[in-house]
Amino acid sequence: MKKIFLAIVLVLSMICTAKAHYAVNEPQQNEKYTYCEIVGTSNFTHTKVTVDIDFGQEINFWTQHEQRALKDENGNQIKFNSMIDALNYLGDKGWIFVQAYAITVGNTDVYHYLLKMPKDKVVEE
């Protein structure tokens, strides 16, 4: 009788633990996000990175780099020292890091950092 009782207690505790674990990892269904991508392209010496921010905006082919550059309150382009500098800047603005990956095209490394922010917190500037 004690063995059956012990087995039932163990099974119930495993079920309760599994449900608690599932509930913690369950995503919020009503949360909507806006995404952006930081794209960094290294130069041929791999010492500097050109950083563009893609918010999904419509761009003109001839001025695409200028349109993807962030600007300060005076309209001057914000220059970043590295991809991490850009990531820290956007992190301070409330963007949340999601994923990063890099690809090599010819002799050029292209770094992609994906970020998100809840839609209700996005401020158009």
C-alpha atoms as a PDB file:
ATOM      1  CA  MET A   1       0.000   0.000   0.000  1.00  0.00           C
ATOM      2  CA  LYS A   2       2.852   2.389   0.857  1.00  0.00           C
ATOM      3  CA  LYS A   3       4.469   1.712  -2.558  1.00  0.00           C
ATOM      4  CA  ILE A   4       1.258   2.587  -4.418  1.00  0.00           C
ATOM      5  CA  PHE A   5       0.832   5.774  -2.375  1.00  0.00           C
ATOM      6  CA  LEU A   6       4.464   6.743  -2.995  1.00  0.00           C
ATOM      7  CA  ALA A   7       4.089   6.085  -6.737  1.00  0.00           C
ATOM      8  CA  ILE A   8       0.957   8.275  -6.913  1.00  0.00           C
ATOM      9  CA  VAL A   9       2.695  11.114  -5.044  1.00  0.00           C
ATOM     10  CA  LEU A  10       5.700  10.932  -7.388  1.00  0.00           C
ATOM     11  CA  VAL A  11       3.520  10.936 -10.510  1.00  0.00           C
ATOM     12  CA  LEU A  12       1.456  13.888  -9.256  1.00  0.00           C
ATOM     13  CA  SER A  13       4.557  15.893  -8.361  1.00  0.00           C
ATOM     14  CA  MET A  14       6.025  15.291 -11.844  1.00  0.00           C
ATOM     15  CA  ILE A  15       2.761  16.412 -13.472  1.00  0.00           C
ATOM     16  CA  CYS A  16       2.625  19.584 -11.356  1.00  0.00           C
ATOM     17  CA  THR A  17       6.259  20.376 -12.138  1.00  0.00           C
ATOM     18  CA  ALA A  18       5.720  19.852 -15.870  1.00  0.00           C
ATOM     19  CA  LYS A  19       2.678  22.145 -15.929  1.00  0.00           C
ATOM     20  CA  ALA A  20       4.495  24.851 -13.990  1.00  0.00           C
ATOM     21  CA  HIS A  21       7.428  24.681 -16.405  1.00  0.00           C
ATOM     22  CA  TYR A  22       5.108  24.875 -19.419  1.00  0.00           C
ATOM     23  CA  ALA A  23       3.246  27.872 -18.018  1.00  0.00           C
ATOM     24  CA  VAL A  24       6.491  29.823 -17.452  1.00  0.00           C
ATOM     25  CA  ASN A  25       7.668  29.320 -21.054  1.00  0.00           C
ATOM     26  CA  GLU A  26       4.285  30.076 -22.605  1.00  0.00           C
ATOM     27  CA  PRO A  27       4.523  33.235 -24.757  1.00  0.00           C
ATOM     28  CA  GLN A  28       2.085  36.084 -24.289  1.00  0.00           C
ATOM     29  CA  GLN A  29      -0.416  35.800 -27.110  1.00  0.00           C
ATOM     30  CA  ASN A  30      -1.528  39.444 -27.088  1.00  0.00           C
ATOM     31  CA  GLU A  31       1.956  41.029 -27.254  1.00  0.00           C
ATOM     32  CA  LYS A  32       2.691  42.613 -30.646  1.00  0.00           C
ATOM     33  CA  TYR A  33       6.175  43.752 -31.656  1.00  0.00           C
ATOM     34  CA  THR A  34       7.832  46.109 -34.101  1.00  0.00           C
ATOM     35  CA  TYR A  35      11.166  44.844 -35.425  1.00  0.00           C
ATOM     36  CA  CYS A  36      14.292  46.534 -36.720  1.00  0.00           C
ATOM     37  CA  GLU A  37      17.602  45.276 -38.042  1.00  0.00           C
ATOM     38  CA  ILE A  38      21.065  46.715 -37.582  1.00  0.00           C
ATOM     39  CA  VAL A  39      23.146  45.914 -40.670  1.00  0.00           C
ATOM     40  CA  GLY A  40      26.892  46.420 -40.454  1.00  0.00           C
ATOM     41  CA  THR A  41      29.208  46.108 -43.431  1.00  0.00           C
ATOM     42  CA  SER A  42      32.955  45.897 -42.892  1.00  0.00           C
ATOM     43  CA  ASN A  43      35.436  47.616 -45.169  1.00  0.00           C
ATOM     44  CA  PHE A  44      38.105  45.696 -47.077  1.00  0.00           C
ATOM     45  CA  THR A  45      40.590  46.005 -44.185  1.00  0.00           C
ATOM     46  CA  HIS A  46      37.980  44.799 -41.652  1.00  0.00           C
ATOM     47  CA  THR A  47      38.862  47.693 -39.333  1.00  0.00           C
ATOM     48  CA  LYS A  48      35.701  49.809 -39.707  1.00  0.00           C
ATOM     49  CA  VAL A  49      32.015  48.997 -39.999  1.00  0.00           C
ATOM     50  CA  THR A  50      29.357  51.009 -41.831  1.00  0.00           C
ATOM     51  CA  VAL A  51      26.136  50.726 -39.831  1.00  0.00           C
ATOM     52  CA  ASP A  52      22.640  51.045 -41.310  1.00  0.00           C
ATOM     53  CA  ILE A  53      19.392  50.681 -39.370  1.00  0.00           C
ATOM     54  CA  ASP A  54      16.472  49.070 -41.200  1.00  0.00           C
ATOM     55  CA  PHE A  55      13.071  49.864 -39.698  1.00  0.00           C
ATOM     56  CA  GLY A  56      11.266  48.542 -42.772  1.00  0.00           C
ATOM     57  CA  GLN A  57      10.864  52.014 -44.203  1.00  0.00           C
ATOM     58  CA  GLU A  58      10.481  52.632 -47.927  1.00  0.00           C
ATOM     59  CA  ILE A  59      13.817  53.739 -49.369  1.00  0.00           C
ATOM     60  CA  ASN A  60      15.109  55.341 -52.530  1.00  0.00           C
ATOM     61  CA  PHE A  61      17.746  53.261 -54.334  1.00  0.00           C
ATOM     62  CA  TRP A  62      20.063  56.250 -54.851  1.00  0.00           C
ATOM     63  CA  THR A  63      20.010  57.508 -51.257  1.00  0.00           C
ATOM     64  CA  GLN A  64      19.465  54.266 -49.347  1.00  0.00           C
ATOM     65  CA  HIS A  65      22.475  54.598 -47.012  1.00  0.00           C
ATOM     66  CA  GLU A  66      21.491  58.140 -46.030  1.00  0.00           C
ATOM     67  CA  GLN A  67      17.886  57.089 -45.395  1.00  0.00           C
ATOM     68  CA  ARG A  68      18.923  54.151 -43.169  1.00  0.00           C
ATOM     69  CA  ALA A  69      21.276  56.245 -41.042  1.00  0.00           C
ATOM     70  CA  LEU A  70      20.003  57.543 -37.714  1.00  0.00           C
ATOM     71  CA  LYS A  71      20.025  61.290 -37.190  1.00  0.00           C
ATOM     72  CA  ASP A  72      20.299  63.337 -34.027  1.00  0.00           C
ATOM     73  CA  GLU A  73      17.995  66.227 -33.039  1.00  0.00           C
ATOM     74  CA  ASN A  74      20.001  68.595 -35.315  1.00  0.00           C
ATOM     75  CA  GLY A  75      19.599  66.340 -38.360  1.00  0.00           C
ATOM     76  CA  ASN A  76      23.234  65.184 -38.303  1.00  0.00           C
ATOM     77  CA  GLN A  77      23.969  61.528 -38.998  1.00  0.00           C
ATOM     78  CA  ILE A  78      24.835  59.501 -35.887  1.00  0.00           C
ATOM     79  CA  LYS A  79      28.080  57.611 -36.459  1.00  0.00           C
ATOM     80  CA  PHE A  80      28.734  54.383 -34.585  1.00  0.00           C
ATOM     81  CA  ASN A  81      32.166  52.989 -33.695  1.00  0.00           C
ATOM     82  CA  SER A  82      31.018  49.380 -33.990  1.00  0.00           C
ATOM     83  CA  MET A  83      27.991  47.119 -34.151  1.00  0.00           C
ATOM     84  CA  ILE A  84      27.978  46.917 -30.355  1.00  0.00           C
ATOM     85  CA  ASP A  85      27.936  50.722 -30.168  1.00  0.00           C
ATOM     86  CA  ALA A  86      24.792  50.730 -32.340  1.00  0.00           C
ATOM     87  CA  LEU A  87      23.274  47.874 -30.306  1.00  0.00           C
ATOM     88  CA  ASN A  88      23.902  49.768 -27.050  1.00  0.00           C
ATOM     89  CA  TYR A  89      22.390  52.945 -28.521  1.00  0.00           C
ATOM     90  CA  LEU A  90      19.181  51.191 -29.556  1.00  0.00           C
ATOM     91  CA  GLY A  91      19.106  49.206 -26.309  1.00  0.00           C
ATOM     92  CA  ASP A  92      19.081  52.517 -24.430  1.00  0.00           C
ATOM     93  CA  LYS A  93      16.056  53.507 -26.541  1.00  0.00           C
ATOM     94  CA  GLY A  94      14.160  50.385 -25.418  1.00  0.00           C
ATOM     95  CA  TRP A  95      14.887  47.933 -28.245  1.00  0.00           C
ATOM     96  CA  ILE A  96      15.337  44.285 -27.197  1.00  0.00           C
ATOM     97  CA  PHE A  97      17.983  42.064 -28.815  1.00  0.00           C
ATOM     98  CA  VAL A  98      16.536  38.986 -30.574  1.00  0.00           C
ATOM     99  CA  GLN A  99      19.174  37.411 -32.811  1.00  0.00           C
ATOM    100  CA  ALA A 100      22.474  38.067 -34.577  1.00  0.00           C
ATOM    101  CA  TYR A 101      24.161  36.449 -37.543  1.00  0.00           C
ATOM    102  CA  ALA A 102      26.930  37.291 -39.990  1.00  0.00           C
ATOM    103  CA  ILE A 103      27.477  36.433 -43.625  1.00  0.00           C
ATOM    104  CA  THR A 104      30.458  36.958 -45.891  1.00  0.00           C
ATOM    105  CA  VAL A 105      29.935  38.297 -49.396  1.00  0.00           C
ATOM    106  CA  GLY A 106      33.217  38.188 -51.317  1.00  0.00           C
ATOM    107  CA  ASN A 107      35.724  39.798 -48.951  1.00  0.00           C
ATOM    108  CA  THR A 108      33.087  41.754 -47.048  1.00  0.00           C
ATOM    109  CA  ASP A 109      31.565  40.670 -43.736  1.00  0.00           C
ATOM    110  CA  VAL A 110      27.936  41.705 -43.240  1.00  0.00           C
ATOM    111  CA  TYR A 111      26.585  41.608 -39.683  1.00  0.00           C
ATOM    112  CA  HIS A 112      22.849  41.462 -38.960  1.00  0.00           C
ATOM    113  CA  TYR A 113      21.369  42.160 -35.507  1.00  0.00           C
ATOM    114  CA  LEU A 114      17.600  41.753 -35.138  1.00  0.00           C
ATOM    115  CA  LEU A 115      15.835  43.743 -32.412  1.00  0.00           C
ATOM    116  CA  LYS A 116      12.227  44.154 -31.291  1.00  0.00           C
ATOM    117  CA  MET A 117      10.118  46.532 -29.237  1.00  0.00           C
ATOM    118  CA  PRO A 118       6.510  46.195 -28.077  1.00  0.00           C
ATOM    119  CA  LYS A 119       4.295  48.118 -30.524  1.00  0.00           C
ATOM    120  CA  ASP A 120       2.735  50.210 -27.765  1.00  0.00           C
ATOM    121  CA  LYS A 121       6.194  51.565 -26.779  1.00  0.00           C
ATOM    122  CA  VAL A 122       7.427  52.534 -30.265  1.00  0.00           C
ATOM    123  CA  VAL A 123       7.877  56.285 -30.717  1.00  0.00           C
ATOM    124  CA  GLU A 124       8.149  57.626 -34.281  1.00  0.00           C
ATOM    125  CA  GLU A 125      10.997  60.142 -34.584  1.00  0.00           C
END
